[in-house]
């Protein structure tokens, strides 16, 4: 949530994210964020998507319309349970199986879920702002967090 607030504040003050890049070969390193200054944009909203543990998907700061669309996109047969976490600032889906550590054919299914989610967010007017490697999961695996933005106009 804190990272999303920082990205949102920088964007609202005219600092545009040019890229998130990994320029180090060190283990446990995180992405370098490169910004450029420009004219501040019109009012913009942000939310984040994180891929947690081996089978959890979190929507952080997402509007209810996005949560409902994700429920429909993933489908009830793929959702083991879902609930609000972190004082209702994030909505978490626990998916069936282990899509973030899948092997074989399950890898294809996991990637289809990812593509379906991107299509879902785009259809609601959200644009991918950044995909940033900023944390390490409980088992030492790295996963990116996606940040989406949409103009409020």
C-alpha atoms as a PDB file:
ATOM      1  CA  UNK A   1       0.000   0.000   0.000  1.00  0.00           C
ATOM      2  CA  UNK A   2       2.859   2.371   0.878  1.00  0.00           C
ATOM      3  CA  UNK A   3       4.544   1.879  -2.508  1.00  0.00           C
ATOM      4  CA  UNK A   4       1.281   2.578  -4.312  1.00  0.00           C
ATOM      5  CA  UNK A   5       0.888   5.824  -2.344  1.00  0.00           C
ATOM      6  CA  UNK A   6       4.403   6.907  -3.304  1.00  0.00           C
ATOM      7  CA  UNK A   7       3.893   6.124  -7.009  1.00  0.00           C
ATOM      8  CA  UNK A   8       0.545   7.912  -6.969  1.00  0.00           C
ATOM      9  CA  UNK A   9       1.955  11.012  -5.229  1.00  0.00           C
ATOM     10  CA  UNK A  10       4.914  11.234  -7.612  1.00  0.00           C
ATOM     11  CA  UNK A  11       2.605  10.858 -10.618  1.00  0.00           C
ATOM     12  CA  UNK A  12       0.244  13.552  -9.315  1.00  0.00           C
ATOM     13  CA  UNK A  13       3.211  15.925  -8.949  1.00  0.00           C
ATOM     14  CA  UNK A  14       4.333  15.369 -12.537  1.00  0.00           C
ATOM     15  CA  UNK A  15       6.977  12.695 -12.007  1.00  0.00           C
ATOM     16  CA  UNK A  16       6.321  10.030 -14.634  1.00  0.00           C
ATOM     17  CA  UNK A  17       7.718   6.542 -14.280  1.00  0.00           C
ATOM     18  CA  UNK A  18       9.863   5.789 -17.314  1.00  0.00           C
ATOM     19  CA  UNK A  19      10.867   2.264 -16.328  1.00  0.00           C
ATOM     20  CA  UNK A  20      11.383  -0.244 -13.575  1.00  0.00           C
ATOM     21  CA  UNK A  21      14.533  -2.224 -14.239  1.00  0.00           C
ATOM     22  CA  UNK A  22      16.789  -4.739 -12.549  1.00  0.00           C
ATOM     23  CA  UNK A  23      20.361  -3.594 -13.161  1.00  0.00           C
ATOM     24  CA  UNK A  24      22.011  -5.730 -10.494  1.00  0.00           C
ATOM     25  CA  UNK A  25      22.935  -9.381 -10.456  1.00  0.00           C
ATOM     26  CA  UNK A  26      22.720  -9.586  -6.664  1.00  0.00           C
ATOM     27  CA  UNK A  27      20.298 -12.012  -5.096  1.00  0.00           C
ATOM     28  CA  UNK A  28      17.464 -10.368  -3.191  1.00  0.00           C
ATOM     29  CA  UNK A  29      17.904  -7.101  -5.115  1.00  0.00           C
ATOM     30  CA  UNK A  30      14.930  -4.958  -6.127  1.00  0.00           C
ATOM     31  CA  UNK A  31      14.103  -2.910  -9.204  1.00  0.00           C
ATOM     32  CA  UNK A  32      15.494   0.550  -9.856  1.00  0.00           C
ATOM     33  CA  UNK A  33      12.734   3.055 -10.682  1.00  0.00           C
ATOM     34  CA  UNK A  34      13.552   5.808 -13.179  1.00  0.00           C
ATOM     35  CA  UNK A  35      11.286   8.881 -13.352  1.00  0.00           C
ATOM     36  CA  UNK A  36      11.144  12.008 -15.502  1.00  0.00           C
ATOM     37  CA  UNK A  37       9.615  15.334 -14.526  1.00  0.00           C
ATOM     38  CA  UNK A  38       6.817  16.878 -16.573  1.00  0.00           C
ATOM     39  CA  UNK A  39       3.530  18.719 -16.216  1.00  0.00           C
ATOM     40  CA  UNK A  40       1.292  17.150 -13.548  1.00  0.00           C
ATOM     41  CA  UNK A  41      -1.577  15.136 -15.061  1.00  0.00           C
ATOM     42  CA  UNK A  42      -5.286  15.397 -14.481  1.00  0.00           C
ATOM     43  CA  UNK A  43      -6.673  13.553 -11.471  1.00  0.00           C
ATOM     44  CA  UNK A  44      -5.663   9.890 -11.578  1.00  0.00           C
ATOM     45  CA  UNK A  45      -6.550   6.816  -9.499  1.00  0.00           C
ATOM     46  CA  UNK A  46      -4.247   3.893  -8.753  1.00  0.00           C
ATOM     47  CA  UNK A  47      -4.544   0.326  -7.502  1.00  0.00           C
ATOM     48  CA  UNK A  48      -2.058  -2.542  -7.227  1.00  0.00           C
ATOM     49  CA  UNK A  49      -2.066  -6.279  -7.861  1.00  0.00           C
ATOM     50  CA  UNK A  50       0.329  -8.572  -6.020  1.00  0.00           C
ATOM     51  CA  UNK A  51       0.961 -12.278  -6.454  1.00  0.00           C
ATOM     52  CA  UNK A  52       1.523 -13.757  -3.022  1.00  0.00           C
ATOM     53  CA  UNK A  53       2.742 -17.086  -1.745  1.00  0.00           C
ATOM     54  CA  UNK A  54       2.001 -19.763  -4.320  1.00  0.00           C
ATOM     55  CA  UNK A  55      -1.688 -19.151  -4.912  1.00  0.00           C
ATOM     56  CA  UNK A  56      -2.876 -15.784  -3.629  1.00  0.00           C
ATOM     57  CA  UNK A  57      -3.849 -12.739  -5.639  1.00  0.00           C
ATOM     58  CA  UNK A  58      -4.242  -9.388  -3.850  1.00  0.00           C
ATOM     59  CA  UNK A  59      -6.000  -6.305  -5.143  1.00  0.00           C
ATOM     60  CA  UNK A  60      -4.719  -3.341  -3.132  1.00  0.00           C
ATOM     61  CA  UNK A  61      -6.784  -0.176  -3.153  1.00  0.00           C
ATOM     62  CA  UNK A  62      -8.952  -1.517  -5.973  1.00  0.00           C
ATOM     63  CA  UNK A  63     -12.486  -0.194  -6.474  1.00  0.00           C
ATOM     64  CA  UNK A  64     -15.374  -2.622  -5.915  1.00  0.00           C
ATOM     65  CA  UNK A  65     -16.050  -2.692  -9.657  1.00  0.00           C
ATOM     66  CA  UNK A  66     -12.549  -4.097 -10.248  1.00  0.00           C
ATOM     67  CA  UNK A  67     -12.968  -6.709  -7.503  1.00  0.00           C
ATOM     68  CA  UNK A  68     -16.273  -7.865  -9.012  1.00  0.00           C
ATOM     69  CA  UNK A  69     -14.756  -8.025 -12.482  1.00  0.00           C
ATOM     70  CA  UNK A  70     -11.835 -10.119 -11.194  1.00  0.00           C
ATOM     71  CA  UNK A  71     -14.264 -12.506  -9.468  1.00  0.00           C
ATOM     72  CA  UNK A  72     -16.059 -12.953 -12.775  1.00  0.00           C
ATOM     73  CA  UNK A  73     -12.831 -13.221 -14.793  1.00  0.00           C
ATOM     74  CA  UNK A  74     -11.213 -15.859 -12.588  1.00  0.00           C
ATOM     75  CA  UNK A  75     -14.464 -17.754 -12.021  1.00  0.00           C
ATOM     76  CA  UNK A  76     -15.772 -19.387  -8.866  1.00  0.00           C
ATOM     77  CA  UNK A  77     -14.334 -22.785  -9.809  1.00  0.00           C
ATOM     78  CA  UNK A  78     -10.777 -21.389  -9.547  1.00  0.00           C
ATOM     79  CA  UNK A  79     -11.283 -19.495  -6.264  1.00  0.00           C
ATOM     80  CA  UNK A  80     -10.796 -21.437  -3.027  1.00  0.00           C
ATOM     81  CA  UNK A  81     -11.792 -18.470  -0.850  1.00  0.00           C
ATOM     82  CA  UNK A  82     -11.701 -14.671  -0.856  1.00  0.00           C
ATOM     83  CA  UNK A  83     -11.728 -12.018   1.833  1.00  0.00           C
ATOM     84  CA  UNK A  84     -10.737  -8.501   2.834  1.00  0.00           C
ATOM     85  CA  UNK A  85      -7.367  -8.204   4.588  1.00  0.00           C
ATOM     86  CA  UNK A  86      -5.300  -5.388   6.094  1.00  0.00           C
ATOM     87  CA  UNK A  87      -8.257  -3.447   7.529  1.00  0.00           C
ATOM     88  CA  UNK A  88     -10.117  -3.767   4.238  1.00  0.00           C
ATOM     89  CA  UNK A  89      -7.452  -2.024   2.154  1.00  0.00           C
ATOM     90  CA  UNK A  90      -6.718  -5.186   0.160  1.00  0.00           C
ATOM     91  CA  UNK A  91      -8.973  -7.898  -1.217  1.00  0.00           C
ATOM     92  CA  UNK A  92      -7.358 -11.320  -1.438  1.00  0.00           C
ATOM     93  CA  UNK A  93      -8.261 -14.333  -3.538  1.00  0.00           C
ATOM     94  CA  UNK A  94      -6.831 -17.725  -2.644  1.00  0.00           C
ATOM     95  CA  UNK A  95      -6.825 -19.646  -5.895  1.00  0.00           C
ATOM     96  CA  UNK A  96      -7.136 -23.390  -6.330  1.00  0.00           C
ATOM     97  CA  UNK A  97      -3.849 -25.137  -6.976  1.00  0.00           C
ATOM     98  CA  UNK A  98      -0.542 -23.276  -7.070  1.00  0.00           C
ATOM     99  CA  UNK A  99      -0.624 -21.048 -10.154  1.00  0.00           C
ATOM    100  CA  UNK A 100       2.436 -18.937  -9.263  1.00  0.00           C
ATOM    101  CA  UNK A 101       4.678 -22.021  -9.004  1.00  0.00           C
ATOM    102  CA  UNK A 102       2.997 -24.151 -11.663  1.00  0.00           C
ATOM    103  CA  UNK A 103       4.741 -26.694 -13.883  1.00  0.00           C
ATOM    104  CA  UNK A 104       3.850 -28.222 -17.222  1.00  0.00           C
ATOM    105  CA  UNK A 105       0.338 -27.631 -18.514  1.00  0.00           C
ATOM    106  CA  UNK A 106      -0.600 -25.721 -15.346  1.00  0.00           C
ATOM    107  CA  UNK A 107       1.906 -23.050 -16.410  1.00  0.00           C
ATOM    108  CA  UNK A 108      -0.197 -22.379 -19.511  1.00  0.00           C
ATOM    109  CA  UNK A 109      -3.350 -22.124 -17.392  1.00  0.00           C
ATOM    110  CA  UNK A 110      -1.627 -19.691 -15.013  1.00  0.00           C
ATOM    111  CA  UNK A 111      -0.489 -17.490 -17.871  1.00  0.00           C
ATOM    112  CA  UNK A 112      -3.994 -17.504 -19.302  1.00  0.00           C
ATOM    113  CA  UNK A 113      -5.268 -16.212 -15.942  1.00  0.00           C
ATOM    114  CA  UNK A 114      -2.663 -13.431 -16.107  1.00  0.00           C
ATOM    115  CA  UNK A 115      -3.707 -12.464 -19.649  1.00  0.00           C
ATOM    116  CA  UNK A 116      -7.394 -12.583 -18.693  1.00  0.00           C
ATOM    117  CA  UNK A 117      -6.695 -10.259 -15.747  1.00  0.00           C
ATOM    118  CA  UNK A 118      -4.814  -7.776 -17.941  1.00  0.00           C
ATOM    119  CA  UNK A 119      -7.702  -7.820 -20.413  1.00  0.00           C
ATOM    120  CA  UNK A 120     -10.182  -7.345 -17.553  1.00  0.00           C
ATOM    121  CA  UNK A 121      -8.379  -4.275 -16.199  1.00  0.00           C
ATOM    122  CA  UNK A 122      -7.972  -2.768 -19.667  1.00  0.00           C
ATOM    123  CA  UNK A 123     -11.675  -3.230 -20.419  1.00  0.00           C
ATOM    124  CA  UNK A 124     -12.455  -1.191 -17.284  1.00  0.00           C
ATOM    125  CA  UNK A 125     -10.217   1.656 -18.467  1.00  0.00           C
ATOM    126  CA  UNK A 126      -7.151   0.855 -16.336  1.00  0.00           C
ATOM    127  CA  UNK A 127      -3.653   1.101 -17.787  1.00  0.00           C
ATOM    128  CA  UNK A 128      -0.609  -0.766 -16.494  1.00  0.00           C
ATOM    129  CA  UNK A 129       1.571   1.926 -14.917  1.00  0.00           C
ATOM    130  CA  UNK A 130       4.422  -0.316 -13.739  1.00  0.00           C
ATOM    131  CA  UNK A 131       5.411  -3.877 -12.960  1.00  0.00           C
ATOM    132  CA  UNK A 132       7.941  -3.727 -10.145  1.00  0.00           C
ATOM    133  CA  UNK A 133       9.972  -6.382  -8.348  1.00  0.00           C
ATOM    134  CA  UNK A 134       9.865  -4.977  -4.842  1.00  0.00           C
ATOM    135  CA  UNK A 135       9.460  -7.889  -2.460  1.00  0.00           C
ATOM    136  CA  UNK A 136      10.459 -11.451  -1.805  1.00  0.00           C
ATOM    137  CA  UNK A 137       7.827 -14.015  -0.927  1.00  0.00           C
ATOM    138  CA  UNK A 138       7.909 -16.334   2.050  1.00  0.00           C
ATOM    139  CA  UNK A 139       9.831 -18.972   0.104  1.00  0.00           C
ATOM    140  CA  UNK A 140      12.418 -16.576  -1.351  1.00  0.00           C
ATOM    141  CA  UNK A 141      10.764 -16.293  -4.770  1.00  0.00           C
ATOM    142  CA  UNK A 142      10.520 -12.920  -6.464  1.00  0.00           C
ATOM    143  CA  UNK A 143       7.263 -11.721  -7.952  1.00  0.00           C
ATOM    144  CA  UNK A 144       6.409  -8.356  -9.424  1.00  0.00           C
ATOM    145  CA  UNK A 145       3.655  -6.123  -8.148  1.00  0.00           C
ATOM    146  CA  UNK A 146       1.544  -4.493 -10.837  1.00  0.00           C
ATOM    147  CA  UNK A 147       0.410  -0.890 -10.498  1.00  0.00           C
ATOM    148  CA  UNK A 148      -2.529   0.329 -12.576  1.00  0.00           C
ATOM    149  CA  UNK A 149      -3.760   3.860 -13.167  1.00  0.00           C
ATOM    150  CA  UNK A 150      -6.823   5.470 -14.695  1.00  0.00           C
ATOM    151  CA  UNK A 151      -7.748   9.062 -15.341  1.00  0.00           C
ATOM    152  CA  UNK A 152     -10.656  10.241 -13.199  1.00  0.00           C
ATOM    153  CA  UNK A 153     -12.000  12.425 -16.018  1.00  0.00           C
END
